[in-house]
Amino acid sequence: MAQSSYSALRNSFSWRGVRSALGWGEDNTVCLAQSIIDRHKDSGRVALIFIDKSGMESRFTYRELSEAS
């Protein structure tokens, strides 16, 4: 990204715009679980891939993470 584009984006950024885009009210507590996981729980997509020290892989869908929270 060009420096001028980054500067313009940085200068135009507002949390009010972010809150509005994500459906958060001005006085509401932000809940990232709802905004990230619950929003995609019906997609059937994998949200998290965990590989332990032994190399065993576990995959979790957005729905599984939503139900576990």
Protein backbone atom coordinates (compact mmCIF):
# COMPACT_ATOMS: atom_id res chain seq x y z
CA MET A 1 0.00 0.00 0.00
CA ALA A 2 1.36 3.40 -0.88
CA GLN A 3 2.26 5.64 2.04
CA SER A 4 -0.24 8.30 0.98
CA SER A 5 -3.04 5.71 0.84
CA TYR A 6 -2.13 4.39 4.29
CA SER A 7 -2.02 7.91 5.70
CA ALA A 8 -5.40 8.75 4.18
CA LEU A 9 -6.93 5.55 5.56
CA ARG A 10 -5.42 6.12 8.99
CA ASN A 11 -6.65 9.69 9.05
CA SER A 12 -10.19 8.71 8.04
CA PHE A 13 -10.49 5.79 10.51
CA SER A 14 -13.12 6.06 13.23
CA TRP A 15 -14.35 3.59 15.82
CA ARG A 16 -17.85 4.97 15.22
CA GLY A 17 -17.66 3.65 11.63
CA VAL A 18 -16.43 0.25 12.84
CA ARG A 19 -19.20 0.02 15.44
CA SER A 20 -21.80 0.92 12.85
CA ALA A 21 -20.50 -1.60 10.30
CA LEU A 22 -20.57 -4.41 12.88
CA GLY A 23 -23.95 -3.47 14.35
CA TRP A 24 -22.58 -2.38 17.71
CA GLY A 25 -24.27 0.47 19.54
CA GLU A 26 -22.33 3.39 20.96
CA ASP A 27 -23.05 2.39 24.56
CA ASN A 28 -22.85 -1.38 24.12
CA THR A 29 -20.04 -3.59 25.30
CA VAL A 30 -18.19 -5.10 22.35
CA CYS A 31 -18.51 -8.88 22.17
CA LEU A 32 -15.98 -10.28 19.70
CA ALA A 33 -17.34 -13.83 20.04
CA GLN A 34 -20.69 -12.70 18.70
CA SER A 35 -19.16 -10.53 16.00
CA ILE A 36 -16.70 -13.13 14.76
CA ILE A 37 -17.94 -16.61 15.64
CA ASP A 38 -21.71 -16.39 15.89
CA ARG A 39 -21.93 -14.36 12.69
CA HIS A 40 -20.45 -17.30 10.74
CA LYS A 41 -21.79 -20.28 12.69
CA ASP A 42 -24.16 -21.39 9.91
CA SER A 43 -21.46 -21.30 7.22
CA GLY A 44 -20.17 -24.83 7.88
CA ARG A 45 -16.63 -23.50 7.54
CA VAL A 46 -13.63 -24.36 9.68
CA ALA A 47 -12.79 -21.52 12.06
CA LEU A 48 -9.80 -22.95 13.89
CA ILE A 49 -7.13 -25.51 13.10
CA PHE A 50 -5.10 -26.61 16.10
CA ILE A 51 -1.97 -28.72 15.78
CA ASP A 52 -0.56 -30.02 19.05
CA LYS A 53 3.11 -30.73 19.83
CA SER A 54 2.86 -34.30 18.55
CA GLY A 55 1.48 -33.08 15.20
CA MET A 56 -2.11 -34.18 15.81
CA GLU A 57 -4.52 -31.85 14.05
CA SER A 58 -7.94 -30.82 15.33
CA ARG A 59 -10.39 -28.73 13.32
CA PHE A 60 -13.29 -26.77 14.79
CA THR A 61 -16.12 -25.15 12.86
CA TYR A 62 -17.62 -21.80 13.75
CA ARG A 63 -20.70 -23.67 15.01
CA GLU A 64 -18.61 -25.89 17.31
CA LEU A 65 -16.88 -22.84 18.78
CA SER A 66 -20.22 -21.08 19.21
CA GLU A 67 -21.74 -24.05 21.00
CA ALA A 68 -18.67 -24.43 23.25
CA SER A 69 -18.80 -20.81 24.42
